[in-house]
C-alpha atoms as a PDB file:
ATOM      1  CA  ARG A   1       0.208   0.136  -0.527  1.00  0.00           C
ATOM      2  CA  GLU A   2       2.694   2.367   1.050  1.00  0.00           C
ATOM      3  CA  THR A   3       4.420   1.950  -2.472  1.00  0.00           C
ATOM      4  CA  TYR A   4       1.254   2.881  -4.162  1.00  0.00           C
ATOM      5  CA  TRP A   5       0.362   5.781  -1.906  1.00  0.00           C
ATOM      6  CA  ASN A   6       4.213   7.039  -2.840  1.00  0.00           C
ATOM      7  CA  TRP A   7       3.402   6.560  -6.227  1.00  0.00           C
ATOM      8  CA  ILE A   8       0.998   8.369  -6.094  1.00  0.00           C
ATOM      9  CA  ARG A   9       1.853  11.649  -4.414  1.00  0.00           C
ATOM     10  CA  VAL A  10       5.003  12.177  -6.120  1.00  0.00           C
ATOM     11  CA  ASP A  11       2.900  12.122  -9.484  1.00  0.00           C
ATOM     12  CA  LEU A  12       1.174  14.712  -7.461  1.00  0.00           C
ATOM     13  CA  ALA A  13       4.133  16.688  -6.729  1.00  0.00           C
ATOM     14  CA  LYS A  14       5.482  16.249 -10.512  1.00  0.00           C
ATOM     15  CA  ILE A  15       1.885  18.197 -11.586  1.00  0.00           C
ATOM     16  CA  GLY A  16       2.212  20.690  -8.928  1.00  0.00           C
ATOM     17  CA  ARG A  17      -1.268  19.292  -7.482  1.00  0.00           C
ATOM     18  CA  SER A  18      -2.357  19.005  -3.827  1.00  0.00           C
ATOM     19  CA  GLU A  19      -2.001  15.381  -1.603  1.00  0.00           C
ATOM     20  CA  GLU A  20      -5.068  16.506   0.163  1.00  0.00           C
ATOM     21  CA  THR A  21      -7.749  17.522  -2.563  1.00  0.00           C
ATOM     22  CA  PHE A  22      -6.640  14.128  -3.903  1.00  0.00           C
ATOM     23  CA  ARG A  23      -7.538  12.164  -0.470  1.00  0.00           C
ATOM     24  CA  ARG A  24     -10.815  14.304  -0.334  1.00  0.00           C
ATOM     25  CA  VAL A  25     -11.832  13.291  -4.159  1.00  0.00           C
ATOM     26  CA  ALA A  26     -10.576   9.824  -3.249  1.00  0.00           C
ATOM     27  CA  LYS A  27     -12.934  10.034   0.364  1.00  0.00           C
ATOM     28  CA  ALA A  28     -15.881  11.230  -2.029  1.00  0.00           C
ATOM     29  CA  ILE A  29     -15.571   8.165  -4.076  1.00  0.00           C
ATOM     30  CA  LEU A  30     -15.136   5.794  -0.970  1.00  0.00           C
ATOM     31  CA  GLU A  31     -18.155   6.678   0.807  1.00  0.00           C
ATOM     32  CA  LYS A  32     -20.579   7.671  -2.263  1.00  0.00           C
ATOM     33  CA  ALA A  33     -19.746   4.438  -4.170  1.00  0.00           C
ATOM     34  CA  PRO A  34     -21.809   3.160  -6.177  1.00  0.00           C
ATOM     35  CA  SER A  35     -24.114   6.095  -6.035  1.00  0.00           C
ATOM     36  CA  SER A  36     -23.561   8.328  -9.172  1.00  0.00           C
ATOM     37  CA  LEU A  37     -22.303  11.569  -8.021  1.00  0.00           C
ATOM     38  CA  SER A  38     -22.334  15.473  -9.343  1.00  0.00           C
ATOM     39  CA  LEU A  39     -19.238  17.758  -9.600  1.00  0.00           C
ATOM     40  CA  ASN A  40     -21.037  20.130  -7.182  1.00  0.00           C
ATOM     41  CA  SER A  41     -21.861  18.041  -4.653  1.00  0.00           C
ATOM     42  CA  ILE A  42     -18.114  16.226  -4.289  1.00  0.00           C
ATOM     43  CA  ALA A  43     -16.799  19.914  -4.250  1.00  0.00           C
ATOM     44  CA  LYS A  44     -19.063  20.923  -1.765  1.00  0.00           C
ATOM     45  CA  GLU A  45     -19.849  18.230   0.503  1.00  0.00           C
ATOM     46  CA  PHE A  46     -15.841  17.371   0.662  1.00  0.00           C
ATOM     47  CA  GLU A  47     -14.973  21.384   0.795  1.00  0.00           C
ATOM     48  CA  ILE A  48     -12.879  20.782  -2.757  1.00  0.00           C
ATOM     49  CA  GLY A  49     -13.567  24.327  -3.832  1.00  0.00           C
ATOM     50  CA  THR A  50     -15.056  24.052  -7.033  1.00  0.00           C
ATOM     51  CA  HIS A  51     -16.874  21.422  -9.573  1.00  0.00           C
ATOM     52  CA  LYS A  52     -14.088  22.782 -11.603  1.00  0.00           C
ATOM     53  CA  THR A  53     -11.435  21.330  -9.046  1.00  0.00           C
ATOM     54  CA  ALA A  54     -13.459  18.280  -8.874  1.00  0.00           C
ATOM     55  CA  PHE A  55     -13.199  17.618 -12.400  1.00  0.00           C
ATOM     56  CA  GLU A  56      -9.447  18.094 -12.485  1.00  0.00           C
ATOM     57  CA  TYR A  57      -8.636  15.801  -9.625  1.00  0.00           C
ATOM     58  CA  LEU A  58     -11.226  13.223 -11.129  1.00  0.00           C
ATOM     59  CA  ASP A  59      -9.008  13.418 -14.257  1.00  0.00           C
ATOM     60  CA  ILE A  60      -5.853  13.333 -12.882  1.00  0.00           C
ATOM     61  CA  MET A  61      -7.270  10.014 -11.148  1.00  0.00           C
ATOM     62  CA  GLU A  62      -8.546   8.613 -14.496  1.00  0.00           C
ATOM     63  CA  LYS A  63      -5.760   9.297 -16.433  1.00  0.00           C
ATOM     64  CA  LEU A  64      -3.615   7.632 -13.618  1.00  0.00           C
ATOM     65  CA  TYR A  65      -5.802   4.598 -14.234  1.00  0.00           C
ATOM     66  CA  ILE A  66      -7.276   4.633 -10.280  1.00  0.00           C
ATOM     67  CA  VAL A  67     -10.666   5.232 -11.175  1.00  0.00           C
ATOM     68  CA  LYS A  68     -13.163   4.759 -14.641  1.00  0.00           C
ATOM     69  CA  VAL A  69     -15.870   7.541 -14.626  1.00  0.00           C
ATOM     70  CA  LEU A  70     -19.415   6.089 -15.996  1.00  0.00           C
ATOM     71  CA  TYR A  71     -21.266   8.349 -17.697  1.00  0.00           C
ATOM     72  CA  HIS A  72     -25.072   8.540 -18.205  1.00  0.00           C
ATOM     73  CA  LEU A  73     -25.961   6.975 -21.136  1.00  0.00           C
ATOM     74  CA  ASP A  74     -29.411   7.875 -23.186  1.00  0.00           C
ATOM     75  CA  PRO A  75     -30.664   4.114 -23.856  1.00  0.00           C
ATOM     76  CA  ASN A  76     -32.579   5.444 -26.830  1.00  0.00           C
ATOM     77  CA  ARG A  77     -30.185   8.416 -28.864  1.00  0.00           C
ATOM     78  CA  LEU A  78     -27.130   6.533 -27.601  1.00  0.00           C
ATOM     79  CA  LEU A  79     -25.645   9.660 -26.397  1.00  0.00           C
ATOM     80  CA  ALA A  80     -23.256   9.757 -22.931  1.00  0.00           C
ATOM     81  CA  SER A  81     -24.652  12.941 -21.182  1.00  0.00           C
ATOM     82  CA  PHE A  82     -21.890  14.717 -19.599  1.00  0.00           C
ATOM     83  CA  ARG A  83     -23.891  17.154 -17.453  1.00  0.00           C
ATOM     84  CA  LYS A  84     -25.710  14.143 -15.911  1.00  0.00           C
ATOM     85  CA  ASN A  85     -24.492  12.576 -12.217  1.00  0.00           C
ATOM     86  CA  ARG A  86     -21.719  10.056 -13.030  1.00  0.00           C
ATOM     87  CA  LYS A  87     -20.937   6.756 -11.185  1.00  0.00           C
ATOM     88  CA  ILE A  88     -17.075   6.679 -10.492  1.00  0.00           C
ATOM     89  CA  HIS A  89     -15.172   3.057 -10.153  1.00  0.00           C
ATOM     90  CA  PHE A  90     -11.551   2.361  -8.785  1.00  0.00           C
ATOM     91  CA  MET A  91     -10.007   0.395 -11.273  1.00  0.00           C
ATOM     92  CA  ASP A  92      -8.633  -2.074  -9.079  1.00  0.00           C
ATOM     93  CA  PRO A  93      -9.677  -3.176  -5.753  1.00  0.00           C
ATOM     94  CA  LEU A  94      -6.398  -2.414  -4.287  1.00  0.00           C
ATOM     95  CA  PHE A  95      -7.452   1.013  -3.913  1.00  0.00           C
ATOM     96  CA  PHE A  96     -10.111   0.502  -2.186  1.00  0.00           C
ATOM     97  CA  ASP A  97      -8.166  -1.158   0.488  1.00  0.00           C
ATOM     98  CA  LEU A  98      -5.389   1.514  -0.333  1.00  0.00           C
ATOM     99  CA  PHE A  99      -7.705   5.034  -0.308  1.00  0.00           C
ATOM    100  CA  SER A 100      -9.794   3.786   3.370  1.00  0.00           C
ATOM    101  CA  ASP A 101      -5.944   3.538   5.082  1.00  0.00           C
ATOM    102  CA  VAL A 102      -5.371   7.068   3.812  1.00  0.00           C
ATOM    103  CA  CYS A 103      -8.616   8.233   3.749  1.00  0.00           C
ATOM    104  CA  LEU A 104      -9.280   6.472   7.183  1.00  0.00           C
ATOM    105  CA  ARG A 105     -12.520   5.521   6.389  1.00  0.00           C
ATOM    106  CA  LYS A 106     -13.335   1.950   6.272  1.00  0.00           C
ATOM    107  CA  ILE A 107     -13.835  -0.246   3.243  1.00  0.00           C
ATOM    108  CA  PRO A 108     -17.082  -0.397   1.763  1.00  0.00           C
ATOM    109  CA  GLU A 109     -19.168  -3.165   1.327  1.00  0.00           C
ATOM    110  CA  GLU A 110     -18.234  -6.061  -0.815  1.00  0.00           C
ATOM    111  CA  SER A 111     -20.892  -5.613  -3.559  1.00  0.00           C
ATOM    112  CA  VAL A 112     -19.475  -1.936  -3.995  1.00  0.00           C
ATOM    113  CA  VAL A 113     -16.135  -3.483  -4.753  1.00  0.00           C
ATOM    114  CA  LEU A 114     -17.820  -6.120  -7.048  1.00  0.00           C
ATOM    115  CA  GLU A 115     -19.469  -3.797  -8.830  1.00  0.00           C
ATOM    116  CA  SER A 116     -16.280  -1.577  -9.342  1.00  0.00           C
ATOM    117  CA  VAL A 117     -14.501  -4.958 -10.493  1.00  0.00           C
ATOM    118  CA  VAL A 118     -17.439  -5.802 -13.190  1.00  0.00           C
ATOM    119  CA  ALA A 119     -17.347  -1.826 -14.454  1.00  0.00           C
ATOM    120  CA  SER A 120     -13.454  -1.815 -14.735  1.00  0.00           C
ATOM    121  CA  HIS A 121     -13.481  -5.013 -16.503  1.00  0.00           C
ATOM    122  CA  LEU A 122     -15.830  -3.958 -19.233  1.00  0.00           C
ATOM    123  CA  ALA A 123     -14.752  -0.836 -19.820  1.00  0.00           C
ATOM    124  CA  ARG A 124     -11.292  -2.567 -20.760  1.00  0.00           C
ATOM    125  CA  ARG A 125     -13.288  -3.895 -23.766  1.00  0.00           C
ATOM    126  CA  PHE A 126     -16.556  -1.839 -24.113  1.00  0.00           C
ATOM    127  CA  GLU A 127     -17.433   1.683 -23.778  1.00  0.00           C
ATOM    128  CA  ALA A 128     -18.803   1.750 -20.512  1.00  0.00           C
ATOM    129  CA  PHE A 129     -21.721   3.718 -19.250  1.00  0.00           C
ATOM    130  CA  TYR A 130     -24.396   3.556 -16.651  1.00  0.00           C
ATOM    131  CA  TRP A 131     -28.270   4.311 -17.353  1.00  0.00           C
ATOM    132  CA  LYS A 132     -30.240   5.573 -14.294  1.00  0.00           C
ATOM    133  CA  ASN A 133     -34.163   7.019 -14.530  1.00  0.00           C
ATOM    134  CA  TRP A 134     -37.318   4.646 -12.658  1.00  0.00           C
ATOM    135  CA  ARG A 135     -35.090   1.654 -12.478  1.00  0.00           C
ATOM    136  CA  GLU A 136     -30.790   1.846 -12.644  1.00  0.00           C
ATOM    137  CA  ILE A 137     -28.649   0.025 -14.642  1.00  0.00           C
ATOM    138  CA  ASP A 138     -25.260  -0.286 -13.073  1.00  0.00           C
ATOM    139  CA  ILE A 139     -22.989  -0.658 -15.880  1.00  0.00           C
ATOM    140  CA  ILE A 140     -23.984  -0.919 -19.922  1.00  0.00           C
ATOM    141  CA  ALA A 141     -20.947  -1.898 -22.122  1.00  0.00           C
ATOM    142  CA  LYS A 142     -21.560  -0.665 -26.203  1.00  0.00           C
ATOM    143  CA  ARG A 143     -19.707  -1.604 -28.542  1.00  0.00           C
ATOM    144  CA  LYS A 144     -20.646   0.208 -32.351  1.00  0.00           C
ATOM    145  CA  GLU A 145     -24.782   0.152 -32.036  1.00  0.00           C
ATOM    146  CA  GLU A 146     -24.782  -2.965 -29.751  1.00  0.00           C
ATOM    147  CA  LEU A 147     -25.467  -2.190 -26.046  1.00  0.00           C
ATOM    148  CA  ALA A 148     -25.963  -4.757 -22.776  1.00  0.00           C
ATOM    149  CA  GLY A 149     -26.699  -4.114 -19.337  1.00  0.00           C
ATOM    150  CA  PHE A 150     -25.407  -5.531 -16.539  1.00  0.00           C
ATOM    151  CA  GLU A 151     -26.951  -5.780 -12.693  1.00  0.00           C
ATOM    152  CA  VAL A 152     -24.284  -6.616  -9.788  1.00  0.00           C
ATOM    153  CA  LYS A 153     -26.842  -8.029  -7.551  1.00  0.00           C
ATOM    154  CA  SER A 154     -27.469 -11.567  -6.214  1.00  0.00           C
ATOM    155  CA  ARG A 155     -31.436 -10.923  -5.468  1.00  0.00           C
ATOM    156  CA  GLU A 156     -33.626 -14.397  -5.447  1.00  0.00           C
ATOM    157  CA  GLY A 157     -36.176 -14.607  -7.764  1.00  0.00           C
ATOM    158  CA  ALA A 158     -34.787 -11.679 -10.348  1.00  0.00           C
ATOM    159  CA  ASP A 159     -35.689 -12.130 -13.625  1.00  0.00           C
ATOM    160  CA  TYR A 160     -34.024  -9.965 -16.379  1.00  0.00           C
ATOM    161  CA  SER A 161     -34.623 -11.829 -19.031  1.00  0.00           C
ATOM    162  CA  LYS A 162     -37.750  -9.488 -20.507  1.00  0.00           C
ATOM    163  CA  MET A 163     -36.370  -5.790 -18.923  1.00  0.00           C
ATOM    164  CA  ARG A 164     -35.914  -4.023 -22.069  1.00  0.00           C
ATOM    165  CA  ILE A 165     -34.761  -0.212 -21.922  1.00  0.00           C
ATOM    166  CA  GLY A 166     -34.575   1.790 -24.918  1.00  0.00           C
ATOM    167  CA  LYS A 167     -32.259   0.097 -27.437  1.00  0.00           C
ATOM    168  CA  ILE A 168     -30.298  -2.101 -24.707  1.00  0.00           C
ATOM    169  CA  GLY A 169     -30.952  -5.334 -26.252  1.00  0.00           C
ATOM    170  CA  ASN A 170     -30.437  -7.239 -22.881  1.00  0.00           C
ATOM    171  CA  VAL A 171     -29.901  -6.970 -19.110  1.00  0.00           C
ATOM    172  CA  PHE A 172     -27.683  -9.648 -17.180  1.00  0.00           C
ATOM    173  CA  CYS A 173     -27.662  -9.612 -13.425  1.00  0.00           C
ATOM    174  CA  LEU A 174     -23.963 -10.997 -12.271  1.00  0.00           C
ATOM    175  CA  GLY A 175     -24.670 -12.893  -9.120  1.00  0.00           C
ATOM    176  CA  GLU A 176     -23.911 -15.871  -7.523  1.00  0.00           C
ATOM    177  CA  GLU A 177     -26.583 -17.886  -9.475  1.00  0.00           C
ATOM    178  CA  LEU A 178     -26.397 -19.150 -13.031  1.00  0.00           C
ATOM    179  CA  ASP A 179     -30.048 -19.156 -14.773  1.00  0.00           C
ATOM    180  CA  ARG A 180     -30.143 -18.327 -18.448  1.00  0.00           C
ATOM    181  CA  GLU A 181     -33.399 -18.416 -18.770  1.00  0.00           C
ATOM    182  CA  ARG A 182     -34.294 -15.135 -16.454  1.00  0.00           C
ATOM    183  CA  ASN A 183     -30.035 -13.579 -17.913  1.00  0.00           C
ATOM    184  CA  LEU A 184     -28.955 -14.247 -14.317  1.00  0.00           C
ATOM    185  CA  LEU A 185     -25.078 -15.138 -14.766  1.00  0.00           C
ATOM    186  CA  SER A 186     -22.336 -16.626 -12.238  1.00  0.00           C
ATOM    187  CA  LEU A 187     -20.257 -13.429 -11.790  1.00  0.00           C
ATOM    188  CA  PRO A 188     -16.802 -15.100 -11.528  1.00  0.00           C
ATOM    189  CA  LEU A 189     -17.472 -17.455 -14.789  1.00  0.00           C
ATOM    190  CA  PHE A 190     -18.792 -13.863 -16.365  1.00  0.00           C
ATOM    191  CA  LEU A 191     -15.214 -12.164 -15.036  1.00  0.00           C
ATOM    192  CA  SER A 192     -13.132 -15.450 -16.225  1.00  0.00           C
ATOM    193  CA  LEU A 193     -14.386 -14.637 -19.747  1.00  0.00           C
ATOM    194  CA  LEU A 194     -13.802 -11.291 -20.616  1.00  0.00           C
END
């Protein structure tokens, strides 16, 4: 952990950015994940200054491959909404451990970490987004004009086979069960196939 934190601190020093502000943005992600966040709420709630500063530090985190930002996707027009809230996922479970230590916060529940693992894996192979309106789809994978939605949950009795939102062809639930008729996929099996 210490090695990674020192690596980040050196990079921040090289570009003249504040370690404390970086910590506050990391704390916001730890405390709010997997909920969607606005830049204004990060800036206000975590006393960062302005939404521009929050954006700048998120951009730095993304360029350092620490986080992946998922933007809201309009499932009918296939356009990302950059003004809407965004979901922010750590790219590696190690970062939950590192930043919980650095920010003196507890590691989020396993379901939060699992959603980030799935989001980061899908983002490596596809364009990744999320959708939320009257329901939510944790992660939307897009390749050209094709969309697939993924929910990271284990709800007994959930049936995702008939769920259709806009041009999203299928929505799959990733969890412990495997039931192809209800679009339930085993999470370990799914990740091993990516």
